[in-house]
N, C-alpha and C. Protein backbone atom coordinates (compact mmCIF):
# COMPACT_ATOMS: atom_id res chain seq x y z
N UNK A 1 15.71 -28.11 -14.78
CA UNK A 1 16.51 -27.04 -14.25
C UNK A 1 17.67 -27.58 -13.54
N UNK A 2 18.83 -26.97 -13.65
CA UNK A 2 20.04 -27.48 -12.99
C UNK A 2 19.93 -27.06 -11.58
N UNK A 3 20.39 -28.12 -10.83
CA UNK A 3 20.51 -27.90 -9.35
C UNK A 3 19.14 -27.57 -8.62
N UNK A 4 18.06 -28.30 -8.83
CA UNK A 4 16.83 -27.93 -8.26
C UNK A 4 16.94 -27.92 -6.73
N UNK A 5 17.87 -28.60 -6.11
CA UNK A 5 17.96 -28.65 -4.72
C UNK A 5 18.47 -27.26 -4.11
N UNK A 6 19.03 -26.56 -4.96
CA UNK A 6 19.49 -25.09 -4.58
C UNK A 6 18.49 -24.01 -4.80
N UNK A 7 17.31 -24.43 -5.44
CA UNK A 7 16.29 -23.40 -5.56
C UNK A 7 15.83 -22.66 -4.31
N UNK A 8 15.56 -23.53 -3.35
CA UNK A 8 15.17 -22.97 -2.05
C UNK A 8 16.09 -23.60 -0.99
N UNK A 9 17.31 -22.93 -0.82
CA UNK A 9 18.36 -23.55 -0.04
C UNK A 9 18.11 -23.35 1.52
N UNK A 10 17.20 -22.53 1.90
CA UNK A 10 17.00 -22.26 3.33
C UNK A 10 15.69 -22.82 3.85
N UNK A 11 15.92 -23.59 5.02
CA UNK A 11 14.79 -24.13 5.73
C UNK A 11 14.05 -22.96 6.31
N UNK A 12 12.64 -23.07 6.33
CA UNK A 12 11.89 -22.13 6.76
C UNK A 12 11.84 -22.23 8.35
N UNK A 13 12.25 -21.18 9.04
CA UNK A 13 12.30 -21.19 10.42
C UNK A 13 11.39 -20.04 11.07
N UNK A 14 10.85 -20.26 12.21
CA UNK A 14 9.98 -19.23 12.80
C UNK A 14 10.84 -18.10 13.21
N UNK A 15 10.15 -16.88 13.15
CA UNK A 15 10.86 -15.65 13.53
C UNK A 15 11.07 -15.62 15.11
N UNK A 16 10.04 -16.12 15.75
CA UNK A 16 10.24 -16.11 17.20
C UNK A 16 9.28 -17.27 17.72
N UNK A 17 9.43 -17.48 19.05
CA UNK A 17 8.59 -18.51 19.66
C UNK A 17 7.17 -17.99 19.86
N UNK A 18 6.21 -18.88 19.96
CA UNK A 18 4.77 -18.48 20.14
C UNK A 18 4.68 -17.51 21.31
N UNK A 19 3.87 -16.47 21.17
CA UNK A 19 3.70 -15.55 22.23
C UNK A 19 4.70 -14.40 22.33
N UNK A 20 5.85 -14.60 21.62
CA UNK A 20 6.82 -13.54 21.52
C UNK A 20 6.48 -12.43 20.41
N UNK A 21 7.10 -11.26 20.57
CA UNK A 21 6.99 -10.17 19.60
C UNK A 21 8.47 -9.94 19.25
N UNK A 22 8.61 -9.70 17.94
CA UNK A 22 10.02 -9.40 17.45
C UNK A 22 10.05 -7.87 17.06
N UNK A 23 11.07 -7.17 17.47
CA UNK A 23 11.32 -5.89 16.99
C UNK A 23 12.64 -5.88 16.25
N UNK A 24 12.63 -5.20 15.09
CA UNK A 24 13.90 -5.08 14.31
C UNK A 24 14.30 -3.60 14.36
N UNK A 25 15.56 -3.33 14.66
CA UNK A 25 15.98 -1.95 14.78
C UNK A 25 17.55 -1.96 14.61
N UNK A 26 18.00 -1.12 13.74
CA UNK A 26 19.41 -0.96 13.51
C UNK A 26 20.13 -2.30 13.39
N UNK A 27 19.58 -3.17 12.62
CA UNK A 27 20.28 -4.44 12.41
C UNK A 27 20.17 -5.53 13.49
N UNK A 28 19.50 -5.10 14.61
CA UNK A 28 19.35 -5.98 15.78
C UNK A 28 18.01 -6.60 15.74
N UNK A 29 17.87 -7.75 16.19
CA UNK A 29 16.57 -8.43 16.49
C UNK A 29 16.31 -8.66 17.96
N UNK A 30 15.29 -7.93 18.37
CA UNK A 30 14.96 -7.99 19.81
C UNK A 30 13.74 -8.75 19.85
N UNK A 31 13.72 -9.80 20.80
CA UNK A 31 12.59 -10.71 20.95
C UNK A 31 11.95 -10.32 22.41
N UNK A 32 10.76 -9.90 22.41
CA UNK A 32 10.09 -9.58 23.73
C UNK A 32 9.15 -10.65 24.11
N UNK A 33 9.27 -11.09 25.39
CA UNK A 33 8.30 -12.11 25.79
C UNK A 33 6.96 -11.64 26.12
N UNK A 34 6.87 -10.34 26.49
CA UNK A 34 5.71 -9.78 27.02
C UNK A 34 5.39 -8.40 26.27
N UNK A 35 4.19 -8.25 25.60
CA UNK A 35 3.73 -7.00 25.17
C UNK A 35 2.29 -6.80 25.57
N UNK A 36 1.89 -5.54 25.58
CA UNK A 36 0.44 -5.20 25.89
C UNK A 36 -0.40 -5.51 24.65
N UNK A 37 -1.74 -5.54 24.88
CA UNK A 37 -2.53 -5.99 23.80
C UNK A 37 -3.32 -4.72 23.16
N UNK A 38 -2.97 -3.53 23.55
CA UNK A 38 -3.65 -2.42 23.08
C UNK A 38 -3.17 -2.01 21.63
N UNK A 39 -3.68 -0.94 21.24
CA UNK A 39 -3.30 -0.40 19.77
C UNK A 39 -1.86 -0.22 19.84
N UNK A 40 -1.13 -0.31 18.71
CA UNK A 40 0.31 0.04 18.58
C UNK A 40 1.07 -1.07 19.31
N UNK A 41 2.35 -0.69 19.61
CA UNK A 41 3.20 -1.79 20.28
C UNK A 41 3.47 -1.23 21.70
N UNK A 42 2.92 -1.97 22.68
CA UNK A 42 3.10 -1.63 24.07
C UNK A 42 4.07 -2.67 24.64
N UNK A 43 5.12 -2.01 25.21
CA UNK A 43 6.28 -2.81 25.72
C UNK A 43 6.36 -2.50 27.23
N UNK A 44 7.11 -3.34 27.95
CA UNK A 44 7.40 -3.07 29.32
C UNK A 44 8.39 -1.92 29.34
N UNK A 45 8.31 -1.01 30.24
CA UNK A 45 9.24 0.16 30.34
C UNK A 45 10.71 -0.28 30.44
N UNK A 46 10.96 -1.43 31.13
CA UNK A 46 12.32 -1.89 31.41
C UNK A 46 12.88 -2.48 29.97
N UNK A 47 12.10 -2.69 29.08
CA UNK A 47 12.54 -3.25 27.81
C UNK A 47 13.00 -2.09 26.77
N UNK A 48 12.71 -0.88 27.12
CA UNK A 48 13.10 0.15 26.17
C UNK A 48 14.49 0.35 25.91
N UNK A 49 15.39 0.33 26.88
CA UNK A 49 16.83 0.44 26.48
C UNK A 49 17.32 -0.72 25.57
N UNK A 50 16.84 -1.91 25.72
CA UNK A 50 17.20 -2.98 24.88
C UNK A 50 16.67 -2.88 23.40
N UNK A 51 15.65 -2.11 23.24
CA UNK A 51 14.96 -1.94 21.95
C UNK A 51 15.76 -0.80 21.17
N UNK A 52 15.79 0.49 21.73
CA UNK A 52 16.30 1.49 20.97
C UNK A 52 17.43 2.32 21.73
N UNK A 53 17.72 1.93 22.84
CA UNK A 53 18.92 2.56 23.61
C UNK A 53 18.39 3.77 24.54
N UNK A 54 17.10 4.08 24.49
CA UNK A 54 16.61 5.13 25.32
C UNK A 54 16.32 4.57 26.76
N UNK A 55 16.52 5.36 27.70
CA UNK A 55 16.24 4.95 29.08
C UNK A 55 15.16 5.94 29.78
N UNK A 56 14.24 5.39 30.48
CA UNK A 56 13.22 6.19 31.08
C UNK A 56 13.80 6.79 32.38
N UNK A 57 13.80 8.14 32.51
CA UNK A 57 14.22 8.67 33.66
C UNK A 57 13.17 9.76 34.17
N UNK A 58 13.32 10.40 35.31
CA UNK A 58 12.33 11.34 35.65
C UNK A 58 12.20 12.41 34.74
N UNK A 59 13.28 12.88 34.06
CA UNK A 59 13.11 13.96 33.07
C UNK A 59 12.64 13.56 31.73
N UNK A 60 12.41 12.20 31.53
CA UNK A 60 11.81 11.71 30.22
C UNK A 60 12.63 10.53 29.67
N UNK A 61 12.50 10.31 28.35
CA UNK A 61 13.15 9.23 27.71
C UNK A 61 14.59 9.82 27.26
N UNK A 62 15.66 9.24 27.77
CA UNK A 62 16.97 9.81 27.54
C UNK A 62 17.93 8.83 26.78
N UNK A 63 18.66 9.42 25.81
CA UNK A 63 19.62 8.70 25.05
C UNK A 63 20.86 9.54 25.10
N UNK A 64 21.94 9.01 25.72
CA UNK A 64 23.18 9.76 25.95
C UNK A 64 22.74 11.09 26.67
N UNK A 65 23.06 12.24 26.10
CA UNK A 65 22.86 13.55 26.75
C UNK A 65 21.62 14.14 26.25
N UNK A 66 20.75 13.47 25.52
CA UNK A 66 19.44 13.94 24.91
C UNK A 66 18.35 13.35 25.78
N UNK A 67 17.45 14.26 26.29
CA UNK A 67 16.29 13.73 26.98
C UNK A 67 15.02 14.30 26.37
N UNK A 68 14.01 13.52 26.15
CA UNK A 68 12.76 14.00 25.52
C UNK A 68 11.66 13.84 26.62
N UNK A 69 11.04 14.99 27.03
CA UNK A 69 10.05 14.91 28.14
C UNK A 69 8.82 14.11 27.60
N UNK A 70 8.23 13.35 28.38
CA UNK A 70 7.10 12.52 28.12
C UNK A 70 5.88 12.85 28.93
N UNK A 71 4.78 12.80 28.27
CA UNK A 71 3.55 12.95 29.05
C UNK A 71 2.82 11.58 29.36
N UNK A 72 1.80 11.65 30.02
CA UNK A 72 1.09 10.32 30.46
C UNK A 72 0.62 9.52 29.34
N UNK A 73 0.55 10.20 28.09
CA UNK A 73 -0.14 9.44 26.94
C UNK A 73 0.88 8.38 26.49
N UNK A 74 2.07 8.34 26.92
CA UNK A 74 3.01 7.28 26.45
C UNK A 74 2.93 6.10 27.34
N UNK A 75 2.33 6.10 28.47
CA UNK A 75 2.11 5.05 29.38
C UNK A 75 0.65 4.59 29.48
N UNK A 76 0.63 3.32 29.35
CA UNK A 76 -0.86 2.78 29.32
C UNK A 76 -0.98 1.77 30.34
N UNK A 77 -1.97 1.83 31.15
CA UNK A 77 -2.32 0.83 32.29
C UNK A 77 -3.25 -0.20 31.63
N UNK A 78 -2.88 -1.49 31.78
CA UNK A 78 -3.64 -2.53 31.24
C UNK A 78 -3.47 -3.67 32.13
N UNK A 79 -4.59 -4.16 32.64
CA UNK A 79 -4.64 -5.43 33.61
C UNK A 79 -3.65 -5.23 34.79
N UNK A 80 -3.71 -4.04 35.32
CA UNK A 80 -2.86 -3.74 36.44
C UNK A 80 -1.39 -3.56 36.15
N UNK A 81 -1.04 -3.54 34.95
CA UNK A 81 0.38 -3.40 34.50
C UNK A 81 0.62 -2.09 33.82
N UNK A 82 1.80 -1.58 33.79
CA UNK A 82 2.15 -0.32 33.12
C UNK A 82 2.89 -0.76 31.91
N UNK A 83 2.52 -0.15 30.77
CA UNK A 83 3.18 -0.36 29.46
C UNK A 83 3.62 0.91 28.87
N UNK A 84 4.67 0.86 28.10
CA UNK A 84 5.09 2.04 27.33
C UNK A 84 4.83 1.80 25.88
N UNK A 85 4.14 2.93 25.33
CA UNK A 85 3.67 2.89 23.96
C UNK A 85 4.81 3.27 23.00
N UNK A 86 5.51 2.25 22.49
CA UNK A 86 6.68 2.52 21.65
C UNK A 86 6.24 3.19 20.40
N UNK A 87 5.09 2.80 19.80
CA UNK A 87 4.73 3.40 18.52
C UNK A 87 4.40 4.84 18.66
N UNK A 88 3.78 5.33 19.79
CA UNK A 88 3.50 6.73 20.11
C UNK A 88 4.89 7.48 20.21
N UNK A 89 5.78 6.85 20.80
CA UNK A 89 7.15 7.43 21.02
C UNK A 89 7.78 7.64 19.62
N UNK A 90 7.66 6.58 18.79
CA UNK A 90 8.17 6.68 17.46
C UNK A 90 7.54 7.77 16.59
N UNK A 91 6.24 7.86 16.78
CA UNK A 91 5.55 8.98 16.08
C UNK A 91 6.01 10.31 16.57
N UNK A 92 6.30 10.47 17.87
CA UNK A 92 6.83 11.72 18.48
C UNK A 92 8.21 12.09 17.77
N UNK A 93 8.98 11.04 17.68
CA UNK A 93 10.40 11.29 17.15
C UNK A 93 10.44 11.24 15.56
N UNK A 94 9.27 11.15 14.91
CA UNK A 94 9.12 11.05 13.59
C UNK A 94 9.99 9.91 12.94
N UNK A 95 9.93 8.76 13.76
CA UNK A 95 10.63 7.57 13.41
C UNK A 95 9.75 6.67 12.52
N UNK A 96 10.20 6.28 11.41
CA UNK A 96 9.23 5.48 10.52
C UNK A 96 9.24 4.02 11.06
N UNK A 97 8.16 3.37 10.91
CA UNK A 97 8.06 1.87 11.39
C UNK A 97 7.03 1.24 10.38
N UNK A 98 7.09 -0.08 10.34
CA UNK A 98 6.10 -0.91 9.71
C UNK A 98 5.92 -2.13 10.60
N UNK A 99 4.75 -2.66 10.54
CA UNK A 99 4.37 -3.78 11.38
C UNK A 99 3.60 -4.83 10.65
N UNK A 100 3.87 -6.05 10.98
CA UNK A 100 2.95 -7.25 10.65
C UNK A 100 2.38 -7.65 12.02
N UNK A 101 1.22 -7.07 12.27
CA UNK A 101 0.64 -7.30 13.59
C UNK A 101 0.21 -8.73 13.81
N UNK A 102 -0.26 -9.39 12.64
CA UNK A 102 -0.54 -10.79 12.75
C UNK A 102 0.62 -11.67 13.15
N UNK A 103 1.73 -11.37 12.63
CA UNK A 103 2.99 -12.14 12.95
C UNK A 103 3.66 -11.60 14.17
N UNK A 104 3.26 -10.40 14.65
CA UNK A 104 3.91 -9.78 15.84
C UNK A 104 5.28 -9.41 15.55
N UNK A 105 5.63 -8.77 14.37
CA UNK A 105 6.88 -8.24 14.06
C UNK A 105 6.75 -6.77 13.67
N UNK A 106 7.70 -6.05 14.28
CA UNK A 106 7.79 -4.67 14.08
C UNK A 106 9.21 -4.26 13.64
N UNK A 107 9.22 -3.39 12.56
CA UNK A 107 10.54 -2.93 12.18
C UNK A 107 10.55 -1.36 12.24
N UNK A 108 11.58 -0.90 12.96
CA UNK A 108 11.71 0.57 13.09
C UNK A 108 12.80 1.08 12.32
N UNK A 109 12.67 2.20 11.68
CA UNK A 109 13.64 2.90 10.80
C UNK A 109 14.52 3.72 11.91
N UNK A 110 15.43 4.46 11.19
CA UNK A 110 16.35 5.31 11.99
C UNK A 110 15.62 6.54 12.66
N UNK A 111 16.10 6.89 13.83
CA UNK A 111 15.53 8.01 14.57
C UNK A 111 16.16 9.24 14.13
N UNK A 112 15.37 10.19 13.54
CA UNK A 112 16.06 11.29 12.99
C UNK A 112 16.93 12.17 13.83
N UNK A 113 16.54 12.27 15.16
CA UNK A 113 17.35 13.10 16.08
C UNK A 113 18.68 12.41 16.35
N UNK A 114 18.75 11.04 16.28
CA UNK A 114 19.99 10.37 16.42
C UNK A 114 20.86 10.54 15.19
N UNK A 115 20.25 10.57 14.02
CA UNK A 115 20.99 10.78 12.77
C UNK A 115 21.50 12.18 12.71
N UNK A 116 20.84 13.10 13.27
CA UNK A 116 21.33 14.53 13.30
C UNK A 116 22.68 14.57 13.96
N UNK A 117 22.83 13.96 15.10
CA UNK A 117 23.97 13.92 15.85
C UNK A 117 25.11 13.26 15.12
N UNK A 118 24.78 12.23 14.32
CA UNK A 118 25.76 11.46 13.65
C UNK A 118 26.33 12.40 12.51
N UNK A 119 25.56 13.16 11.94
CA UNK A 119 25.97 14.11 10.80
C UNK A 119 26.86 15.26 11.36
N UNK A 120 26.70 15.60 12.66
CA UNK A 120 27.46 16.56 13.23
C UNK A 120 28.83 16.04 13.57
N UNK A 121 28.91 14.69 14.09
CA UNK A 121 30.12 14.07 14.42
C UNK A 121 30.85 13.53 13.15
N UNK A 122 30.14 13.39 12.05
CA UNK A 122 30.72 12.69 10.92
C UNK A 122 31.17 11.37 11.20
N UNK A 123 30.31 10.65 12.06
CA UNK A 123 30.59 9.23 12.40
C UNK A 123 29.53 8.32 11.75
N UNK A 124 29.90 7.34 11.04
CA UNK A 124 29.01 6.27 10.53
C UNK A 124 28.63 5.36 11.62
N UNK A 125 27.40 4.91 11.61
CA UNK A 125 27.02 3.88 12.56
C UNK A 125 27.75 2.66 12.42
N UNK A 126 27.90 1.88 13.50
CA UNK A 126 28.63 0.46 13.28
C UNK A 126 27.67 -0.47 12.46
N UNK A 127 28.22 -1.09 11.57
CA UNK A 127 27.35 -2.04 10.75
C UNK A 127 28.44 -3.10 10.17
N UNK A 128 27.89 -4.22 9.79
CA UNK A 128 28.68 -5.19 9.24
C UNK A 128 28.15 -5.81 7.93
N UNK A 129 29.00 -6.12 7.01
CA UNK A 129 28.64 -6.64 5.76
C UNK A 129 29.66 -7.92 5.46
N UNK A 130 29.21 -8.69 4.57
CA UNK A 130 30.04 -9.88 4.11
C UNK A 130 30.70 -9.49 2.80
N UNK A 131 32.00 -9.74 2.71
CA UNK A 131 32.64 -9.42 1.56
C UNK A 131 32.55 -10.58 0.46
N UNK A 132 33.13 -10.47 -0.70
CA UNK A 132 32.89 -11.47 -1.75
C UNK A 132 33.66 -12.84 -1.37
N UNK A 133 34.56 -12.73 -0.43
CA UNK A 133 35.26 -14.02 0.02
C UNK A 133 34.54 -14.57 1.14
N UNK A 134 33.36 -13.98 1.63
CA UNK A 134 32.70 -14.58 2.82
C UNK A 134 33.16 -14.11 4.15
N UNK A 135 34.12 -13.16 4.19
CA UNK A 135 34.57 -12.61 5.55
C UNK A 135 33.68 -11.50 5.98
N UNK A 136 33.37 -11.47 7.34
CA UNK A 136 32.55 -10.31 7.79
C UNK A 136 33.55 -9.21 8.05
N UNK A 137 33.03 -8.03 7.46
CA UNK A 137 33.84 -6.81 7.68
C UNK A 137 32.95 -5.72 8.52
N UNK A 138 33.47 -5.28 9.58
CA UNK A 138 32.72 -4.42 10.34
C UNK A 138 33.24 -2.95 10.24
N UNK A 139 32.29 -1.97 10.35
CA UNK A 139 32.76 -0.62 10.27
C UNK A 139 33.73 -0.30 11.47
N UNK A 140 33.60 -0.95 12.62
CA UNK A 140 34.39 -0.80 13.73
C UNK A 140 35.86 -1.27 13.49
N UNK A 141 35.97 -2.09 12.55
CA UNK A 141 37.36 -2.47 12.15
C UNK A 141 38.22 -1.40 11.58
N UNK A 142 37.56 -0.29 11.14
CA UNK A 142 38.26 0.77 10.60
C UNK A 142 38.36 2.12 11.49
N UNK A 143 38.04 1.82 12.81
CA UNK A 143 38.03 2.83 13.89
C UNK A 143 39.36 3.67 13.77
N UNK A 144 39.23 4.90 13.67
CA UNK A 144 40.41 5.78 13.74
C UNK A 144 41.04 5.99 12.34
N UNK A 145 40.46 5.35 11.35
CA UNK A 145 40.92 5.39 10.04
C UNK A 145 39.90 6.16 9.04
N UNK A 146 40.36 7.01 8.13
CA UNK A 146 39.47 7.49 7.25
C UNK A 146 39.07 6.45 6.30
N UNK A 147 37.64 6.36 6.03
CA UNK A 147 37.14 5.29 5.37
C UNK A 147 36.07 5.89 4.41
N UNK A 148 36.14 5.41 3.10
CA UNK A 148 35.13 5.82 2.16
C UNK A 148 34.22 4.57 1.99
N UNK A 149 32.83 4.95 2.12
CA UNK A 149 31.83 3.83 1.99
C UNK A 149 31.08 4.12 0.65
N UNK A 150 31.08 3.08 -0.15
CA UNK A 150 30.37 3.29 -1.50
C UNK A 150 29.42 2.22 -1.44
N UNK A 151 28.12 2.60 -1.80
CA UNK A 151 26.96 1.54 -1.83
C UNK A 151 26.39 1.59 -3.21
N UNK A 152 25.74 0.49 -3.57
CA UNK A 152 25.23 0.39 -4.85
C UNK A 152 24.20 -0.64 -4.90
N UNK A 153 23.14 -0.43 -5.67
CA UNK A 153 22.04 -1.41 -5.72
C UNK A 153 21.56 -1.54 -7.20
N UNK A 154 21.16 -2.67 -7.51
CA UNK A 154 20.78 -2.84 -9.01
C UNK A 154 19.38 -2.36 -9.30
N UNK A 155 18.61 -2.01 -8.29
CA UNK A 155 17.25 -1.51 -8.57
C UNK A 155 17.21 -0.03 -8.36
C-alpha cells in the first residue's frame, strides 16, 4: 500500500487526565476535576456556567433572561458535598445526551429552548470550520453581513 505511514497519522492521546470527566457541548470540551459518583452526571454547582452557560440563582437555573425553576431533585448530597444532577437537568430541558461512563465522557446536544430563541432572532450560533486551503473560518467573521450557510454530507 502506498504511504503506509499515513494510514494512522494521529498519535493516540488520552481524552483527559486520570480522575477527570470530559463534557462535550456546542463544540467545547470541558474537563471537570471533580464529579459525584451517583447515577448520571453529578457536577459541582459552580461548574454549571462553564458547562452550558446556565447559572444557579435563587429563582432557578438561568440563561440570559430565561430562568427554569428547580426542585430539590436536581441537588444531590454525597459525602457531605452538594452536587448538581446535570443529566436530570438535561432530561427536564429535553436535551439529548450520550455517555461513555467507563471513559467518563459525556456529550450533550443542543438545548431546545435555546434553539427556539435562535430561530426567533434568526441568528446562527458561532462555529468554526476549516476551508479547503486550511484557513479557519468563523461564523463571527461575518457578523453584520447576510450569510448563506450550505451544508452537505456524503452519507
